[in-house]
Protein backbone atom coordinates (compact mmCIF):
# COMPACT_ATOMS: atom_id res chain seq x y z
CA HIS A 1 -107.53 200.68 135.74
CA ALA A 2 -107.02 197.51 133.74
CA GLU A 3 -104.54 196.15 136.26
CA GLN A 4 -106.88 196.85 139.16
CA SER A 5 -109.78 195.07 137.46
CA ALA A 6 -107.62 192.08 136.53
CA ALA A 7 -106.21 191.86 140.06
CA MET A 8 -109.65 192.02 141.69
CA LEU A 9 -110.96 189.25 139.47
CA ALA A 10 -107.83 187.16 140.03
CA VAL A 11 -107.94 187.51 143.81
CA LEU A 12 -111.64 186.79 144.11
CA GLY A 13 -111.32 183.93 141.62
CA ALA A 14 -108.52 182.41 143.69
CA ARG A 15 -110.56 182.78 146.89
CA LEU A 16 -113.51 181.01 145.23
CA ASN A 17 -111.37 178.58 143.20
CA GLU A 18 -113.06 179.82 140.01
CA THR A 19 -111.90 181.47 136.81
CA LEU A 20 -113.64 184.85 136.65
CA THR A 21 -111.88 186.40 133.67
CA GLY A 22 -113.62 186.40 130.32
CA LEU A 23 -117.12 186.30 131.78
CA THR A 24 -119.84 188.74 130.82
CA ARG A 25 -121.13 190.87 133.68
CA ASN A 26 -124.30 188.75 133.81
CA GLN A 27 -122.28 185.53 133.92
CA LEU A 28 -120.08 186.97 136.66
CA ARG A 29 -123.10 188.11 138.68
CA ASP A 30 -124.73 184.67 138.31
CA LEU A 31 -121.55 182.82 139.29
CA LEU A 32 -120.99 185.01 142.35
CA ARG A 33 -124.61 184.54 143.40
CA ALA A 34 -124.34 180.75 142.92
CA ARG A 35 -121.20 180.70 145.06
CA GLY A 36 -122.97 182.58 147.85
CA VAL A 37 -121.16 185.89 147.52
CA ALA A 38 -123.22 188.63 149.16
CA PRO A 39 -125.31 190.37 146.48
CA ASP A 40 -124.11 193.84 147.48
CA LEU A 41 -120.49 192.76 147.22
CA GLY A 42 -121.10 191.31 143.75
CA SER A 43 -122.87 194.51 142.67
CA ASP A 44 -120.09 196.69 144.08
CA LEU A 45 -117.44 194.62 142.31
CA ILE A 46 -119.26 194.83 138.98
CA ALA A 47 -119.83 198.58 139.39
CA THR A 48 -116.11 199.02 140.09
CA LEU A 49 -115.19 196.94 137.04
CA ASP A 50 -117.56 199.00 134.90
CA ARG A 51 -116.16 202.31 136.18
CA SER A 52 -112.61 201.08 135.59
CA GLU A 53 -113.46 200.05 132.05
CA ALA A 54 -115.17 203.37 131.33
CA ALA A 55 -112.21 205.33 132.73
CA ARG A 56 -109.78 203.21 130.77
CA PHE A 57 -111.39 204.00 127.44
CA SER A 58 -112.55 207.54 128.18
CA ALA A 59 -111.17 210.43 126.18
CA THR A 60 -111.22 212.56 129.33
CA HIS A 61 -109.22 212.16 132.49
CA GLU A 62 -110.59 211.86 136.00
CA SER A 63 -110.23 214.91 138.20
CA PRO A 64 -108.01 214.56 141.27
CA ILE A 65 -111.12 214.43 143.47
CA GLU A 66 -112.73 211.71 141.31
CA LEU A 67 -109.49 209.73 141.31
CA SER A 68 -109.16 210.06 145.08
CA ASP A 69 -112.76 208.88 145.56
CA GLU A 70 -112.17 205.91 143.27
CA ILE A 71 -109.03 204.93 145.17
CA THR A 72 -110.90 205.14 148.49
CA ASN A 73 -113.73 203.00 147.11
CA ALA A 74 -111.30 200.48 145.62
CA ARG A 75 -109.45 200.11 148.93
CA ALA A 76 -112.71 199.41 150.75
CA LEU A 77 -113.70 196.87 148.10
CA TRP A 78 -110.30 195.16 148.35
CA LYS A 79 -110.84 194.63 152.08
CA ARG A 80 -114.24 193.10 151.42
CA LEU A 81 -112.91 190.86 148.64
CA ALA A 82 -110.08 189.65 150.88
CA ALA A 83 -112.64 188.54 153.47
CA VAL A 84 -114.49 186.24 151.04
CA GLY A 85 -113.73 182.59 151.65
CA PRO A 86 -114.20 179.48 149.52
CA GLY A 87 -117.68 179.01 150.97
CA ALA A 88 -118.47 182.59 149.89
CA GLU A 89 -120.66 184.93 151.97
CA GLU A 90 -118.85 188.02 153.07
CA PRO A 91 -118.42 187.95 156.86
CA SER A 92 -120.83 190.25 158.65
CA THR A 93 -119.34 193.33 160.20
């Protein structure tokens, strides 16, 4: 979970030429908005980061179904993050 979160922030940060690590969720949301990242993409990224953090520190383990769902969601988010360019806005599909 930690590696996935770090990688997502690193990739998006590189695409935007920004350092995204170490920001609060509100700072991250504001920066993404200022850079023109689609609001739903920013919200989905933050939700994924929050779920990863919760899973990382949880005393319980995810069920196979929950883990499968999270992997599916993460793959979809990766595709959307990869489409973000330096000018921001996620291309319309």
